[in-house]
Amino acid sequence: MLAPLGRGIHPLELVWDLGGLPLTAAVLFVVGLGRTSRLVLWGVFLAGGVIELISKHFLVLPLPVGLPTPGGYLRVEHVLNPMFGIHTGSAPGDLLRGSFPSGHLFRLTFTAGALVRRWVWVLPLTALAAVAVVATGGHWVWDALGGFVLAGGCLEVVQGCEG
């Protein structure tokens, strides 16, 4: 349904780079420098990442059919996405056998929430990122929603620890 957007608006591919682990981790490092609860911030971020990986391994749902990535974006993705190219599928030995929840959406939402701390700013970014991950064929709508919910829960834990 959103595939025409993914084919027609190539900058939507940037969601895979912006939500990749190296960039979000770097932003969280900088955000955490001024916080007394930076260990909580990092611990919850890592716990969310572990939950994402465990979910992708054990919740085996049909994988979406991804659109081909335009050539110029492939080079950037190889640098900013260490998970790029890891085989995903339904074989028992595959690390990531499903696509639920979207780790890119989890990382983008968590990082944006930690950075601005106001949902009024986080929601538009998250909505755009959700459209992008679905339009480019990397995730289903429920994957995007799962990444958002995971990040929201993790941000609530961080906020609760900060008092």
C-alpha atoms as a PDB file:
ATOM      1  CA  MET A   1       0.000   0.000   0.000  1.00  0.00           C
ATOM      2  CA  LEU A   2       2.835   2.458   0.801  1.00  0.00           C
ATOM      3  CA  ALA A   3       5.238   0.938  -1.743  1.00  0.00           C
ATOM      4  CA  PRO A   4       4.612   3.705  -4.339  1.00  0.00           C
ATOM      5  CA  LEU A   5       5.955   6.193  -1.795  1.00  0.00           C
ATOM      6  CA  GLY A   6       9.043   4.053  -1.264  1.00  0.00           C
ATOM      7  CA  ARG A   7       9.660   3.797  -4.995  1.00  0.00           C
ATOM      8  CA  GLY A   8       8.981   7.464  -5.670  1.00  0.00           C
ATOM      9  CA  ILE A   9      10.577   9.217  -2.693  1.00  0.00           C
ATOM     10  CA  HIS A  10      14.101   7.831  -2.415  1.00  0.00           C
ATOM     11  CA  PRO A  11      15.119   9.932   0.623  1.00  0.00           C
ATOM     12  CA  LEU A  12      12.775   7.716   2.672  1.00  0.00           C
ATOM     13  CA  GLU A  13      15.657   5.206   2.515  1.00  0.00           C
ATOM     14  CA  LEU A  14      17.534   7.451   4.956  1.00  0.00           C
ATOM     15  CA  VAL A  15      15.388   6.066   7.789  1.00  0.00           C
ATOM     16  CA  TRP A  16      17.601   2.961   7.738  1.00  0.00           C
ATOM     17  CA  ASP A  17      20.679   5.118   8.335  1.00  0.00           C
ATOM     18  CA  LEU A  18      19.172   7.549  10.827  1.00  0.00           C
ATOM     19  CA  GLY A  19      17.746   4.680  12.887  1.00  0.00           C
ATOM     20  CA  GLY A  20      20.874   2.555  12.650  1.00  0.00           C
ATOM     21  CA  LEU A  21      22.753   1.591  15.788  1.00  0.00           C
ATOM     22  CA  PRO A  22      25.936   3.680  15.305  1.00  0.00           C
ATOM     23  CA  LEU A  23      24.164   7.002  14.803  1.00  0.00           C
ATOM     24  CA  THR A  24      21.542   6.537  17.525  1.00  0.00           C
ATOM     25  CA  ALA A  25      24.173   5.292  19.974  1.00  0.00           C
ATOM     26  CA  ALA A  26      26.346   8.348  19.257  1.00  0.00           C
ATOM     27  CA  VAL A  27      23.412  10.710  19.849  1.00  0.00           C
ATOM     28  CA  LEU A  28      22.492   8.881  23.065  1.00  0.00           C
ATOM     29  CA  PHE A  29      26.092   9.146  24.234  1.00  0.00           C
ATOM     30  CA  VAL A  30      26.000  12.921  23.797  1.00  0.00           C
ATOM     31  CA  VAL A  31      22.507  13.194  25.342  1.00  0.00           C
ATOM     32  CA  GLY A  32      23.598  11.109  28.314  1.00  0.00           C
ATOM     33  CA  LEU A  33      26.620  13.265  29.106  1.00  0.00           C
ATOM     34  CA  GLY A  34      24.547  15.895  30.858  1.00  0.00           C
ATOM     35  CA  ARG A  35      22.341  13.463  32.771  1.00  0.00           C
ATOM     36  CA  THR A  36      22.859  11.999  36.174  1.00  0.00           C
ATOM     37  CA  SER A  37      20.938   8.923  35.039  1.00  0.00           C
ATOM     38  CA  ARG A  38      23.056   8.138  31.958  1.00  0.00           C
ATOM     39  CA  LEU A  39      23.601   4.559  33.148  1.00  0.00           C
ATOM     40  CA  VAL A  40      19.835   4.105  33.355  1.00  0.00           C
ATOM     41  CA  LEU A  41      19.463   5.632  29.887  1.00  0.00           C
ATOM     42  CA  TRP A  42      22.037   3.241  28.400  1.00  0.00           C
ATOM     43  CA  GLY A  43      20.821   0.242  30.376  1.00  0.00           C
ATOM     44  CA  VAL A  44      17.236   0.706  29.240  1.00  0.00           C
ATOM     45  CA  PHE A  45      18.376   1.325  25.640  1.00  0.00           C
ATOM     46  CA  LEU A  46      20.391  -1.905  25.675  1.00  0.00           C
ATOM     47  CA  ALA A  47      17.543  -3.823  27.340  1.00  0.00           C
ATOM     48  CA  GLY A  48      15.172  -2.589  24.622  1.00  0.00           C
ATOM     49  CA  GLY A  49      17.641  -3.747  21.982  1.00  0.00           C
ATOM     50  CA  VAL A  50      17.836  -7.191  23.571  1.00  0.00           C
ATOM     51  CA  ILE A  51      14.035  -7.400  23.695  1.00  0.00           C
ATOM     52  CA  GLU A  52      13.958  -6.448  19.998  1.00  0.00           C
ATOM     53  CA  LEU A  53      16.455  -9.167  19.033  1.00  0.00           C
ATOM     54  CA  ILE A  54      14.763 -11.858  21.131  1.00  0.00           C
ATOM     55  CA  SER A  55      11.392 -10.915  19.647  1.00  0.00           C
ATOM     56  CA  LYS A  56      12.764 -11.074  16.099  1.00  0.00           C
ATOM     57  CA  HIS A  57      14.215 -14.496  16.786  1.00  0.00           C
ATOM     58  CA  PHE A  58      11.213 -16.116  18.446  1.00  0.00           C
ATOM     59  CA  LEU A  59       8.226 -14.274  16.900  1.00  0.00           C
ATOM     60  CA  VAL A  60       8.491 -15.595  13.382  1.00  0.00           C
ATOM     61  CA  LEU A  61       5.985 -13.701  11.274  1.00  0.00           C
ATOM     62  CA  PRO A  62       5.980 -13.416   7.476  1.00  0.00           C
ATOM     63  CA  LEU A  63       8.748 -11.102   6.329  1.00  0.00           C
ATOM     64  CA  PRO A  64       7.813  -8.134   4.128  1.00  0.00           C
ATOM     65  CA  VAL A  65       9.143  -7.942   0.598  1.00  0.00           C
ATOM     66  CA  GLY A  66      11.658  -5.122   0.589  1.00  0.00           C
ATOM     67  CA  LEU A  67      12.076  -2.724  -2.290  1.00  0.00           C
ATOM     68  CA  PRO A  68      15.479  -2.556  -3.959  1.00  0.00           C
ATOM     69  CA  THR A  69      17.664   0.103  -2.367  1.00  0.00           C
ATOM     70  CA  PRO A  70      18.859   2.802  -4.783  1.00  0.00           C
ATOM     71  CA  GLY A  71      22.614   2.504  -5.390  1.00  0.00           C
ATOM     72  CA  GLY A  72      23.762   5.681  -3.661  1.00  0.00           C
ATOM     73  CA  TYR A  73      22.070   4.703  -0.412  1.00  0.00           C
ATOM     74  CA  LEU A  74      23.666   1.249  -0.327  1.00  0.00           C
ATOM     75  CA  ARG A  75      27.126   2.657   0.377  1.00  0.00           C
ATOM     76  CA  VAL A  76      25.840   4.735   3.289  1.00  0.00           C
ATOM     77  CA  GLU A  77      23.831   1.804   4.669  1.00  0.00           C
ATOM     78  CA  HIS A  78      26.884  -0.439   4.791  1.00  0.00           C
ATOM     79  CA  VAL A  79      28.647   2.107   7.020  1.00  0.00           C
ATOM     80  CA  LEU A  80      25.784   3.219   9.271  1.00  0.00           C
ATOM     81  CA  ASN A  81      23.994  -0.121   9.565  1.00  0.00           C
ATOM     82  CA  PRO A  82      26.129  -2.924  10.942  1.00  0.00           C
ATOM     83  CA  MET A  83      23.132  -5.293  10.735  1.00  0.00           C
ATOM     84  CA  PHE A  84      22.837  -4.670   6.978  1.00  0.00           C
ATOM     85  CA  GLY A  85      23.315  -7.909   5.121  1.00  0.00           C
ATOM     86  CA  ILE A  86      22.707 -10.268   8.073  1.00  0.00           C
ATOM     87  CA  HIS A  87      20.628 -13.093   6.728  1.00  0.00           C
ATOM     88  CA  THR A  88      17.093 -13.033   7.961  1.00  0.00           C
ATOM     89  CA  GLY A  89      14.674 -15.781   7.273  1.00  0.00           C
ATOM     90  CA  SER A  90      12.711 -18.560   8.870  1.00  0.00           C
ATOM     91  CA  ALA A  91      15.484 -21.146   9.226  1.00  0.00           C
ATOM     92  CA  PRO A  92      16.082 -22.158  12.880  1.00  0.00           C
ATOM     93  CA  GLY A  93      19.722 -21.033  12.729  1.00  0.00           C
ATOM     94  CA  ASP A  94      18.926 -17.530  11.520  1.00  0.00           C
ATOM     95  CA  LEU A  95      19.506 -14.894  14.169  1.00  0.00           C
ATOM     96  CA  LEU A  96      16.691 -12.624  13.055  1.00  0.00           C
ATOM     97  CA  ARG A  97      13.870 -14.808  11.824  1.00  0.00           C
ATOM     98  CA  GLY A  98      11.141 -12.165  11.934  1.00  0.00           C
ATOM     99  CA  SER A  99      10.733  -8.445  11.482  1.00  0.00           C
ATOM    100  CA  PHE A 100       8.776  -7.623  14.651  1.00  0.00           C
ATOM    101  CA  PRO A 101       9.392  -5.108  16.194  1.00  0.00           C
ATOM    102  CA  SER A 102      11.156  -2.530  14.046  1.00  0.00           C
ATOM    103  CA  GLY A 103      14.507  -1.883  15.682  1.00  0.00           C
ATOM    104  CA  HIS A 104      15.047   1.208  13.573  1.00  0.00           C
ATOM    105  CA  LEU A 105      11.795   2.702  14.789  1.00  0.00           C
ATOM    106  CA  PHE A 106      12.602   1.658  18.366  1.00  0.00           C
ATOM    107  CA  ARG A 107      16.016   3.343  18.213  1.00  0.00           C
ATOM    108  CA  LEU A 108      14.732   6.506  16.490  1.00  0.00           C
ATOM    109  CA  THR A 109      11.814   6.905  18.900  1.00  0.00           C
ATOM    110  CA  PHE A 110      13.915   6.173  21.982  1.00  0.00           C
ATOM    111  CA  THR A 111      16.693   8.532  20.891  1.00  0.00           C
ATOM    112  CA  ALA A 112      14.293  11.333  19.950  1.00  0.00           C
ATOM    113  CA  GLY A 113      12.412  10.893  23.235  1.00  0.00           C
ATOM    114  CA  ALA A 114      15.632  10.981  25.241  1.00  0.00           C
ATOM    115  CA  LEU A 115      16.777  14.045  23.333  1.00  0.00           C
ATOM    116  CA  VAL A 116      13.685  16.266  23.432  1.00  0.00           C
ATOM    117  CA  ARG A 117      11.677  14.621  26.244  1.00  0.00           C
ATOM    118  CA  ARG A 118       8.375  15.835  24.781  1.00  0.00           C
ATOM    119  CA  TRP A 119       6.005  13.550  22.896  1.00  0.00           C
ATOM    120  CA  VAL A 120       4.626  16.489  20.915  1.00  0.00           C
ATOM    121  CA  TRP A 121       7.973  16.595  19.057  1.00  0.00           C
ATOM    122  CA  VAL A 122       8.623  12.861  19.019  1.00  0.00           C
ATOM    123  CA  LEU A 123       5.315  11.790  17.463  1.00  0.00           C
ATOM    124  CA  PRO A 124       5.731  13.561  14.082  1.00  0.00           C
ATOM    125  CA  LEU A 125       9.242  12.143  13.690  1.00  0.00           C
ATOM    126  CA  THR A 126       8.021   8.693  14.663  1.00  0.00           C
ATOM    127  CA  ALA A 127       5.097   8.884  12.242  1.00  0.00           C
ATOM    128  CA  LEU A 128       7.428   9.860   9.386  1.00  0.00           C
ATOM    129  CA  ALA A 129       9.857   7.077  10.301  1.00  0.00           C
ATOM    130  CA  ALA A 130       6.990   4.554  10.482  1.00  0.00           C
ATOM    131  CA  VAL A 131       5.807   5.524   7.006  1.00  0.00           C
ATOM    132  CA  ALA A 132       9.381   5.271   5.727  1.00  0.00           C
ATOM    133  CA  VAL A 133      10.106   1.779   7.114  1.00  0.00           C
ATOM    134  CA  VAL A 134       6.814   0.479   5.734  1.00  0.00           C
ATOM    135  CA  ALA A 135       7.033   2.304   2.371  1.00  0.00           C
ATOM    136  CA  THR A 136      10.549   1.037   1.672  1.00  0.00           C
ATOM    137  CA  GLY A 137       9.398  -2.519   2.343  1.00  0.00           C
ATOM    138  CA  GLY A 138      11.489  -3.254   5.414  1.00  0.00           C
ATOM    139  CA  HIS A 139       8.625  -3.670   7.853  1.00  0.00           C
ATOM    140  CA  TRP A 140       4.919  -4.224   8.181  1.00  0.00           C
ATOM    141  CA  VAL A 141       2.739  -1.642   9.937  1.00  0.00           C
ATOM    142  CA  TRP A 142       2.578  -3.853  13.062  1.00  0.00           C
ATOM    143  CA  ASP A 143       6.399  -3.988  13.130  1.00  0.00           C
ATOM    144  CA  ALA A 144       6.543  -0.189  13.173  1.00  0.00           C
ATOM    145  CA  LEU A 145       3.887  -0.033  15.884  1.00  0.00           C
ATOM    146  CA  GLY A 146       5.797  -2.622  17.923  1.00  0.00           C
ATOM    147  CA  GLY A 147       9.021  -0.578  17.708  1.00  0.00           C
ATOM    148  CA  PHE A 148       7.141   2.530  18.810  1.00  0.00           C
ATOM    149  CA  VAL A 149       5.479   0.763  21.753  1.00  0.00           C
ATOM    150  CA  LEU A 150       8.792  -0.784  22.842  1.00  0.00           C
ATOM    151  CA  ALA A 151      10.484   2.628  22.779  1.00  0.00           C
ATOM    152  CA  GLY A 152       7.577   4.262  24.606  1.00  0.00           C
ATOM    153  CA  GLY A 153       7.752   1.676  27.370  1.00  0.00           C
ATOM    154  CA  CYS A 154      11.512   2.058  27.656  1.00  0.00           C
ATOM    155  CA  LEU A 155      11.229   5.852  27.803  1.00  0.00           C
ATOM    156  CA  GLU A 156       8.658   5.535  30.584  1.00  0.00           C
ATOM    157  CA  VAL A 157      11.143   3.451  32.582  1.00  0.00           C
ATOM    158  CA  VAL A 158      13.859   6.093  32.062  1.00  0.00           C
ATOM    159  CA  GLN A 159      11.493   8.880  33.031  1.00  0.00           C
ATOM    160  CA  GLY A 160      10.375   6.964  36.128  1.00  0.00           C
ATOM    161  CA  CYS A 161      13.988   6.521  37.232  1.00  0.00           C
ATOM    162  CA  GLU A 162      14.740  10.211  36.701  1.00  0.00           C
ATOM    163  CA  GLY A 163      11.866  11.138  38.993  1.00  0.00           C
END
